[in-house]
């Protein structure tokens, strides 16, 4: 079994080698992302595994994979919006993801961000950097006094709800498919708008589909409390960034913590002194009420091991059986 892995980073290599040894597989790694410029490297391989923040696009890429005999694309992520599922299907390519690598890794970051926002930690750090040790204007609130709104109650959203509940918060949620097993943890609302209206902190945990793109926009932001915070550790496209900046500038919400951006071409790059090429991200960086992290919700030892092994297991399953329990279905 010969597998080519794209977008591989140093912290993955030992896990990859261990998996290869246990499965008598030959695995070649590259730091390159899969594109029409790098797709020729798949020739001679049985399967591929990717991880990349940029769209897997181009008019001929999926057909090229098919022409090399590739029958699957395994992404080392839970989200798969970078893949055109219809193009994959049209070219006989099965797509797999890693849906449950470690819900706690991502959910814990949501809680971390929430606690830093309500305790004004970023603002205090900026003051101290300027040798300003005053408290004025930064009175905090306790999590147990707040209502947390969870948008999307899948594995990660449910785990975040559980953690917030453990801190004593009142937790409410919205999901098109409510989970009856969460009734002791959160109270469902019948609409997104109800959650936005009530919550002191809104935490996004929904996948990115056409139906959820720009779920948070100028209209939905106006529904939120002026004192509320927005957290996004799911997908950048859930938020209209320009609308968020405008809402922050006008005090329509108190602040935001973003682990994902609409344009993630900057992820895992060091760009000191260089223009980002994204004026919206440049603006967010300058805003005192915004916390940014470079899509690291998944970045824990446990999660990385589960991600790599889970993705490679899916490659092997598809090659050996023609299917996988982590097969991604095409959404209309």
Protein backbone atom coordinates (compact mmCIF):
# COMPACT_ATOMS: atom_id res chain seq x y z
CA UNK A 1 0.00 0.00 0.00
CA UNK A 2 1.58 3.25 -1.19
CA UNK A 3 0.17 6.51 0.19
CA UNK A 4 1.13 10.10 -0.59
CA UNK A 5 0.43 12.61 2.16
CA UNK A 6 0.18 16.31 1.33
CA UNK A 7 0.59 19.24 3.73
CA UNK A 8 2.59 17.22 6.26
CA UNK A 9 4.25 19.06 9.14
CA UNK A 10 7.07 17.96 11.42
CA UNK A 11 4.82 17.15 14.38
CA UNK A 12 3.02 14.52 12.28
CA UNK A 13 6.02 12.60 10.97
CA UNK A 14 6.70 10.26 13.89
CA UNK A 15 3.02 9.27 14.04
CA UNK A 16 2.98 8.66 10.29
CA UNK A 17 6.06 6.46 10.48
CA UNK A 18 4.62 4.44 13.36
CA UNK A 19 1.37 3.86 11.41
CA UNK A 20 3.30 2.86 8.29
CA UNK A 21 5.38 0.34 10.23
CA UNK A 22 2.27 -1.22 11.80
CA UNK A 23 0.46 -1.49 8.47
CA UNK A 24 3.37 -2.50 6.23
CA UNK A 25 2.68 0.61 4.17
CA UNK A 26 4.95 2.83 2.15
CA UNK A 27 4.16 6.48 2.89
CA UNK A 28 5.72 9.48 1.18
CA UNK A 29 5.18 12.93 2.68
CA UNK A 30 5.38 16.45 1.30
CA UNK A 31 4.76 19.84 2.83
CA UNK A 32 3.13 20.96 -0.42
CA UNK A 33 -0.62 21.29 -0.66
CA UNK A 34 -2.51 19.36 -3.32
CA UNK A 35 -3.12 21.50 -6.40
CA UNK A 36 -3.04 21.30 -10.16
CA UNK A 37 0.67 22.09 -9.90
CA UNK A 38 1.47 19.27 -7.45
CA UNK A 39 -1.04 16.60 -8.49
CA UNK A 40 1.41 14.85 -10.83
CA UNK A 41 3.22 13.55 -7.73
CA UNK A 42 0.38 11.07 -7.10
CA UNK A 43 1.41 8.91 -10.05
CA UNK A 44 2.27 5.44 -8.81
CA UNK A 45 0.47 5.81 -5.47
CA UNK A 46 -2.61 3.90 -4.32
CA UNK A 47 -4.08 6.58 -2.10
CA UNK A 48 -3.70 10.17 -0.92
CA UNK A 49 -4.19 12.05 2.33
CA UNK A 50 -4.39 15.85 2.57
CA UNK A 51 -4.54 18.64 5.09
CA UNK A 52 -4.78 22.16 3.74
CA UNK A 53 -6.51 25.46 4.47
CA UNK A 54 -6.83 26.37 0.78
CA UNK A 55 -9.51 25.17 -1.59
CA UNK A 56 -8.84 21.98 -3.51
CA UNK A 57 -9.89 23.46 -6.81
CA UNK A 58 -9.12 23.93 -10.46
CA UNK A 59 -11.09 22.73 -13.47
CA UNK A 60 -9.04 19.58 -14.00
CA UNK A 61 -7.72 18.53 -10.59
CA UNK A 62 -10.30 15.87 -9.77
CA UNK A 63 -10.13 14.41 -13.27
CA UNK A 64 -6.34 14.32 -12.96
CA UNK A 65 -6.56 12.34 -9.73
CA UNK A 66 -8.88 9.87 -11.47
CA UNK A 67 -6.52 9.58 -14.43
CA UNK A 68 -3.74 8.49 -12.04
CA UNK A 69 -5.94 5.75 -10.63
CA UNK A 70 -6.72 7.49 -7.35
CA UNK A 71 -10.07 6.47 -5.89
CA UNK A 72 -10.22 8.50 -2.68
CA UNK A 73 -9.29 11.73 -0.90
CA UNK A 74 -8.74 11.50 2.84
CA UNK A 75 -8.62 14.85 4.63
CA UNK A 76 -6.93 15.08 8.02
CA UNK A 77 -9.65 17.43 9.27
CA UNK A 78 -13.23 17.28 10.49
CA UNK A 79 -14.31 19.95 8.01
CA UNK A 80 -14.23 19.23 4.29
CA UNK A 81 -15.44 22.48 2.73
CA UNK A 82 -12.11 22.78 0.88
CA UNK A 83 -13.19 19.82 -1.29
CA UNK A 84 -15.75 20.05 -4.11
CA UNK A 85 -17.78 16.96 -3.22
CA UNK A 86 -19.71 16.98 -6.47
CA UNK A 87 -16.53 17.07 -8.56
CA UNK A 88 -15.10 14.29 -6.43
CA UNK A 89 -18.23 12.19 -6.92
CA UNK A 90 -18.31 12.86 -10.66
CA UNK A 91 -14.77 11.47 -10.89
CA UNK A 92 -15.39 8.43 -8.71
CA UNK A 93 -13.44 9.78 -5.73
CA UNK A 94 -14.60 8.84 -2.24
CA UNK A 95 -13.99 11.54 0.39
CA UNK A 96 -13.30 10.77 4.05
CA UNK A 97 -12.72 13.05 7.03
CA UNK A 98 -11.86 12.64 10.72
CA UNK A 99 -15.06 13.69 12.49
CA UNK A 100 -14.18 12.86 16.10
CA UNK A 101 -10.43 13.23 16.60
CA UNK A 102 -10.83 15.00 19.96
CA UNK A 103 -13.88 17.14 20.63
CA UNK A 104 -12.26 18.30 23.87
CA UNK A 105 -9.31 19.87 22.03
CA UNK A 106 -11.54 22.31 20.17
CA UNK A 107 -14.16 22.75 22.88
CA UNK A 108 -11.51 23.61 25.48
CA UNK A 109 -10.23 26.39 23.24
CA UNK A 110 -13.75 27.85 23.07
CA UNK A 111 -13.89 27.90 26.88
CA UNK A 112 -10.38 29.37 27.06
CA UNK A 113 -11.33 32.15 24.67
CA UNK A 114 -14.56 32.86 26.53
CA UNK A 115 -12.82 33.17 29.88
CA UNK A 116 -10.14 35.46 28.47
CA UNK A 117 -12.74 37.69 26.84
CA UNK A 118 -14.95 38.10 29.90
CA UNK A 119 -11.91 38.70 32.14
CA UNK A 120 -10.50 41.24 29.64
CA UNK A 121 -7.15 39.44 29.57
CA UNK A 122 -6.11 40.78 26.11
CA UNK A 123 -6.85 44.34 27.22
CA UNK A 124 -4.97 43.93 30.50
CA UNK A 125 -1.98 42.46 28.66
CA UNK A 126 -1.86 45.42 26.29
CA UNK A 127 -2.03 47.84 29.23
CA UNK A 128 0.75 46.08 31.10
CA UNK A 129 2.91 46.08 27.98
CA UNK A 130 2.63 49.88 28.23
CA UNK A 131 3.34 49.77 32.00
CA UNK A 132 -0.29 50.67 32.71
CA UNK A 133 -1.52 48.64 35.70
CA UNK A 134 -4.93 50.27 36.17
CA UNK A 135 -8.20 48.33 36.40
CA UNK A 136 -10.49 51.13 35.17
CA UNK A 137 -13.16 50.22 32.62
CA UNK A 138 -12.38 46.50 32.67
CA UNK A 139 -14.77 45.11 35.28
CA UNK A 140 -15.22 41.40 34.57
CA UNK A 141 -18.09 38.97 34.76
CA UNK A 142 -18.11 35.39 35.99
CA UNK A 143 -18.96 32.56 33.61
CA UNK A 144 -21.56 31.19 36.03
CA UNK A 145 -23.49 34.46 35.73
CA UNK A 146 -23.70 34.25 31.94
CA UNK A 147 -25.82 32.58 29.29
CA UNK A 148 -23.79 30.70 26.70
CA UNK A 149 -25.31 30.14 23.27
CA UNK A 150 -24.05 27.07 21.39
CA UNK A 151 -24.75 27.11 17.65
CA UNK A 152 -24.40 23.54 16.39
CA UNK A 153 -24.55 20.73 18.93
CA UNK A 154 -22.57 17.97 17.25
CA UNK A 155 -19.63 16.34 19.01
CA UNK A 156 -17.64 19.54 19.56
CA UNK A 157 -20.62 21.77 20.32
CA UNK A 158 -21.99 19.23 22.79
CA UNK A 159 -18.60 18.99 24.51
CA UNK A 160 -18.33 22.77 24.73
CA UNK A 161 -21.82 22.91 26.22
CA UNK A 162 -20.82 20.31 28.81
CA UNK A 163 -17.70 22.27 29.79
CA UNK A 164 -19.57 25.57 30.09
CA UNK A 165 -22.29 23.86 32.12
CA UNK A 166 -19.61 22.49 34.43
CA UNK A 167 -18.51 26.06 35.11
CA UNK A 168 -22.03 26.91 36.21
CA UNK A 169 -23.21 28.78 33.11
CA UNK A 170 -26.73 28.73 31.76
CA UNK A 171 -26.34 27.01 28.38
CA UNK A 172 -28.77 27.32 25.50
CA UNK A 173 -28.40 26.07 21.95
CA UNK A 174 -29.70 25.82 18.44
CA UNK A 175 -29.33 22.97 15.96
CA UNK A 176 -31.55 21.87 13.09
CA UNK A 177 -31.24 18.38 14.53
CA UNK A 178 -31.45 18.68 18.36
CA UNK A 179 -29.77 15.99 20.43
CA UNK A 180 -32.12 14.57 23.07
CA UNK A 181 -29.13 13.36 25.10
CA UNK A 182 -28.20 16.98 25.88
CA UNK A 183 -31.38 17.93 27.71
CA UNK A 184 -29.62 17.92 31.08
CA UNK A 185 -26.86 20.17 29.74
CA UNK A 186 -28.57 22.80 27.61
CA UNK A 187 -31.96 24.14 26.68
CA UNK A 188 -32.67 24.25 22.97
CA UNK A 189 -34.20 27.30 21.36
CA UNK A 190 -36.34 27.04 18.24
CA UNK A 191 -34.27 29.46 16.16
CA UNK A 192 -30.82 30.96 15.75
CA UNK A 193 -32.28 34.38 16.45
CA UNK A 194 -33.53 33.33 19.89
CA UNK A 195 -30.06 32.18 20.91
CA UNK A 196 -28.42 35.35 19.57
CA UNK A 197 -30.91 37.49 21.45
CA UNK A 198 -30.40 35.78 24.82
CA UNK A 199 -26.73 34.77 24.90
CA UNK A 200 -23.90 36.68 26.55
CA UNK A 201 -21.43 34.53 24.63
CA UNK A 202 -22.24 32.94 21.26
CA UNK A 203 -19.98 30.02 20.30
CA UNK A 204 -20.13 28.65 16.73
CA UNK A 205 -19.75 24.89 16.18
CA UNK A 206 -21.52 24.24 12.90
CA UNK A 207 -20.00 22.94 9.63
CA UNK A 208 -19.69 25.26 6.64
CA UNK A 209 -22.26 24.55 3.94
CA UNK A 210 -23.87 26.88 1.42
CA UNK A 211 -26.75 27.14 3.88
CA UNK A 212 -24.49 28.23 6.77
CA UNK A 213 -22.09 30.55 4.92
CA UNK A 214 -22.23 34.01 6.49
CA UNK A 215 -24.64 32.72 9.12
CA UNK A 216 -23.35 35.63 11.18
CA UNK A 217 -23.83 38.85 9.23
CA UNK A 218 -24.92 42.45 9.72
CA UNK A 219 -28.52 41.41 10.36
CA UNK A 220 -27.82 38.62 12.85
CA UNK A 221 -25.13 40.68 14.62
CA UNK A 222 -27.71 43.38 15.32
CA UNK A 223 -29.77 40.81 17.24
CA UNK A 224 -26.95 40.14 19.72
CA UNK A 225 -26.54 42.07 22.97
CA UNK A 226 -24.16 45.00 22.91
CA UNK A 227 -22.34 43.31 25.80
CA UNK A 228 -22.10 39.91 24.07
CA UNK A 229 -19.04 38.16 22.70
CA UNK A 230 -18.77 36.00 19.58
CA UNK A 231 -16.49 32.93 19.38
CA UNK A 232 -15.72 31.07 16.17
CA UNK A 233 -13.57 27.93 16.29
CA UNK A 234 -15.48 26.19 13.49
CA UNK A 235 -15.10 27.65 9.98
CA UNK A 236 -14.21 31.20 8.98
CA UNK A 237 -16.90 31.37 6.32
CA UNK A 238 -19.63 31.21 8.96
CA UNK A 239 -19.01 34.91 9.61
CA UNK A 240 -19.13 37.82 7.19
CA UNK A 241 -15.89 39.42 8.34
CA UNK A 242 -16.65 42.90 6.99
CA UNK A 243 -19.97 42.90 8.84
CA UNK A 244 -18.26 41.73 12.04
CA UNK A 245 -15.72 44.54 11.88
CA UNK A 246 -18.48 47.09 11.37
CA UNK A 247 -20.44 45.68 14.32
CA UNK A 248 -17.35 45.85 16.55
CA UNK A 249 -16.56 49.41 15.47
CA UNK A 250 -20.11 50.52 16.28
CA UNK A 251 -20.28 48.69 19.60
CA UNK A 252 -23.03 46.35 18.47
CA UNK A 253 -21.16 43.52 20.24
CA UNK A 254 -18.42 43.69 22.87
CA UNK A 255 -15.78 41.55 21.19
CA UNK A 256 -14.87 38.40 19.32
CA UNK A 257 -12.42 35.49 19.44
CA UNK A 258 -11.63 33.89 16.09
CA UNK A 259 -9.61 30.74 15.51
CA UNK A 260 -10.70 30.54 11.87
CA UNK A 261 -10.78 33.15 9.11
CA UNK A 262 -12.54 33.48 5.78
CA UNK A 263 -9.17 33.54 4.01
CA UNK A 264 -6.77 31.05 5.61
CA UNK A 265 -3.92 31.25 3.14
CA UNK A 266 -1.86 32.83 5.95
CA UNK A 267 -2.24 29.85 8.29
CA UNK A 268 1.04 28.40 9.60
CA UNK A 269 3.16 31.03 7.84
CA UNK A 270 5.54 33.57 9.34
CA UNK A 271 4.91 36.87 7.56
CA UNK A 272 6.86 39.35 9.71
CA UNK A 273 7.05 42.68 7.93
CA UNK A 274 5.12 41.39 4.94
CA UNK A 275 1.62 42.48 3.87
CA UNK A 276 -1.02 39.84 4.55
CA UNK A 277 -2.91 40.56 1.36
CA UNK A 278 -6.12 40.56 3.40
CA UNK A 279 -7.20 44.03 4.60
CA UNK A 280 -9.98 42.57 6.76
CA UNK A 281 -7.56 40.38 8.70
CA UNK A 282 -5.16 43.31 8.96
CA UNK A 283 -7.98 45.33 10.55
CA UNK A 284 -8.94 42.57 13.00
CA UNK A 285 -5.34 42.37 14.22
CA UNK A 286 -5.46 46.04 15.25
CA UNK A 287 -8.72 45.79 17.20
CA UNK A 288 -8.38 45.69 21.00
CA UNK A 289 -11.61 43.73 21.47
CA UNK A 290 -10.60 40.90 19.12
CA UNK A 291 -8.58 37.76 19.94
CA UNK A 292 -7.06 35.80 17.07
CA UNK A 293 -5.44 32.37 16.99
CA UNK A 294 -4.18 30.67 13.78
CA UNK A 295 -6.66 27.75 13.51
CA UNK A 296 -5.15 25.81 16.41
CA UNK A 297 -8.30 24.40 18.00
CA UNK A 298 -7.23 20.91 16.95
CA UNK A 299 -3.57 21.37 17.88
CA UNK A 300 -3.06 19.07 20.87
CA UNK A 301 -0.97 15.91 21.17
CA UNK A 302 -4.04 13.69 21.53
CA UNK A 303 -5.88 15.27 18.62
CA UNK A 304 -2.91 15.16 16.23
CA UNK A 305 -2.37 11.46 16.87
CA UNK A 306 -6.08 10.70 16.37
CA UNK A 307 -6.20 12.86 13.23
CA UNK A 308 -3.23 11.23 11.51
CA UNK A 309 -4.15 7.68 12.47
CA UNK A 310 -7.84 8.21 11.71
CA UNK A 311 -7.19 9.66 8.27
CA UNK A 312 -4.74 6.89 7.33
CA UNK A 313 -7.16 4.25 8.63
CA UNK A 314 -9.74 5.68 6.26
CA UNK A 315 -7.32 5.51 3.32
CA UNK A 316 -6.65 1.85 4.11
CA UNK A 317 -10.36 1.08 4.54
CA UNK A 318 -11.29 2.55 1.17
CA UNK A 319 -8.43 0.81 -0.61
CA UNK A 320 -9.20 -2.55 1.02
CA UNK A 321 -13.01 -2.53 1.24
CA UNK A 322 -14.23 0.27 -1.03
CA UNK A 323 -15.78 2.23 1.81
CA UNK A 324 -15.12 3.76 5.26
CA UNK A 325 -17.11 4.61 8.35
CA UNK A 326 -15.85 8.17 7.88
CA UNK A 327 -17.18 8.50 4.34
CA UNK A 328 -18.45 12.03 3.62
CA UNK A 329 -21.84 12.19 1.96
CA UNK A 330 -22.64 14.77 -0.71
CA UNK A 331 -24.96 17.53 0.58
CA UNK A 332 -27.40 19.23 -1.72
